[in-house]
Protein backbone atom coordinates (compact mmCIF):
# COMPACT_ATOMS: atom_id res chain seq x y z
CA UNK A 1 0.00 0.00 0.00
CA UNK A 2 1.48 3.35 -0.94
CA UNK A 3 1.96 6.11 1.62
CA UNK A 4 -0.99 8.22 0.40
CA UNK A 5 -3.37 5.28 0.72
CA UNK A 6 -2.03 4.56 4.23
CA UNK A 7 -2.69 8.16 5.24
CA UNK A 8 -6.25 8.05 3.87
CA UNK A 9 -6.89 4.76 5.65
CA UNK A 10 -5.79 6.22 9.01
CA UNK A 11 -7.87 9.38 8.40
CA UNK A 12 -10.94 7.23 7.73
CA UNK A 13 -10.32 5.00 10.74
CA UNK A 14 -9.86 7.91 13.17
CA UNK A 15 -11.99 10.89 12.05
CA UNK A 16 -12.13 14.06 14.15
CA UNK A 17 -14.30 13.49 17.21
CA UNK A 18 -13.25 9.85 17.72
CA UNK A 19 -12.72 9.07 21.42
CA UNK A 20 -9.59 7.05 22.26
CA UNK A 21 -8.10 5.54 25.42
CA UNK A 22 -4.35 5.05 25.73
CA UNK A 23 -3.51 1.45 26.71
CA UNK A 24 0.15 1.97 27.57
CA UNK A 25 2.29 4.95 28.55
CA UNK A 26 3.63 6.86 25.55
CA UNK A 27 7.34 6.50 24.88
CA UNK A 28 8.00 10.20 25.36
CA UNK A 29 9.47 12.19 28.26
CA UNK A 30 6.32 14.27 28.41
CA UNK A 31 4.07 11.40 27.37
CA UNK A 32 0.51 10.69 28.31
CA UNK A 33 -0.19 8.09 31.00
CA UNK A 34 -1.89 4.74 30.50
CA UNK A 35 -5.68 4.96 30.78
CA UNK A 36 -5.88 8.60 29.67
CA UNK A 37 -8.77 9.34 27.32
CA UNK A 38 -8.96 11.97 24.62
CA UNK A 39 -10.53 13.13 21.37
CA UNK A 40 -9.04 13.05 17.87
CA UNK A 41 -8.58 16.54 16.42
CA UNK A 42 -7.22 15.45 13.02
CA UNK A 43 -4.77 13.13 11.25
CA UNK A 44 -1.88 14.74 9.41
CA UNK A 45 -0.12 13.68 6.20
CA UNK A 46 2.48 11.60 8.06
CA UNK A 47 -0.26 9.57 9.82
CA UNK A 48 0.08 11.21 13.25
CA UNK A 49 -3.26 11.25 15.08
CA UNK A 50 -3.44 14.65 16.77
CA UNK A 51 -5.21 14.42 20.10
CA UNK A 52 -6.80 16.66 22.72
CA UNK A 53 -6.29 14.57 25.85
CA UNK A 54 -8.70 14.97 28.76
CA UNK A 55 -5.73 15.85 31.02
CA UNK A 56 -5.01 18.95 28.91
CA UNK A 57 -2.09 17.57 26.89
CA UNK A 58 -2.08 17.54 23.11
CA UNK A 59 0.52 14.95 22.10
CA UNK A 60 -0.21 12.94 18.97
CA UNK A 61 -0.51 9.18 18.58
CA UNK A 62 1.50 7.18 16.08
CA UNK A 63 -0.33 4.09 14.76
CA UNK A 64 1.69 0.86 15.13
CA UNK A 65 3.87 2.58 17.77
CA UNK A 66 1.42 3.74 20.45
CA UNK A 67 -1.02 1.25 21.97
CA UNK A 68 -4.60 2.57 22.16
CA UNK A 69 -8.24 1.62 21.61
CA UNK A 70 -11.23 3.42 20.13
CA UNK A 71 -13.98 4.14 22.67
CA UNK A 72 -16.45 5.79 20.29
CA UNK A 73 -16.72 7.44 16.89
CA UNK A 74 -18.54 10.60 15.80
CA UNK A 75 -22.35 10.23 15.56
CA UNK A 76 -22.52 10.16 11.73
CA UNK A 77 -19.84 7.47 11.63
CA UNK A 78 -21.76 5.33 14.15
CA UNK A 79 -25.01 5.65 12.20
CA UNK A 80 -23.31 4.61 8.94
CA UNK A 81 -21.65 1.70 10.71
CA UNK A 82 -24.96 0.57 12.26
CA UNK A 83 -26.71 0.75 8.87
CA UNK A 84 -23.89 -1.22 7.26
CA UNK A 85 -24.10 -3.92 9.97
CA UNK A 86 -27.89 -4.05 9.59
CA UNK A 87 -27.56 -4.50 5.82
CA UNK A 88 -24.96 -7.23 6.31
CA UNK A 89 -27.08 -9.16 8.78
CA UNK A 90 -30.08 -9.01 6.46
CA UNK A 91 -28.13 -10.10 3.39
CA UNK A 92 -27.36 -13.68 2.41
CA UNK A 93 -24.62 -15.08 4.60
CA UNK A 94 -23.99 -11.75 6.29
CA UNK A 95 -22.60 -11.69 9.78
CA UNK A 96 -22.98 -9.01 12.39
CA UNK A 97 -20.12 -8.59 14.85
């Protein structure tokens, strides 16, 4: 996958407004502690996920380096995802996770 496609994939996976929880302490002297939650502001062209952490910090996440999980996505994203799952479960052989 070329770099541009990787960037677009990350932007689609973590749109602005996505809520994230950090699962391990960031490898940075001024890092964010494990368990801290925050909101995605945007993803830049080098795939850094810029965050507004609930503790006031604003350090970015690096996919495949920092360990985190998605808590929730913006409302429109959730609705689209729910509709997609509904369509899958109603289709032949579809599975809903």
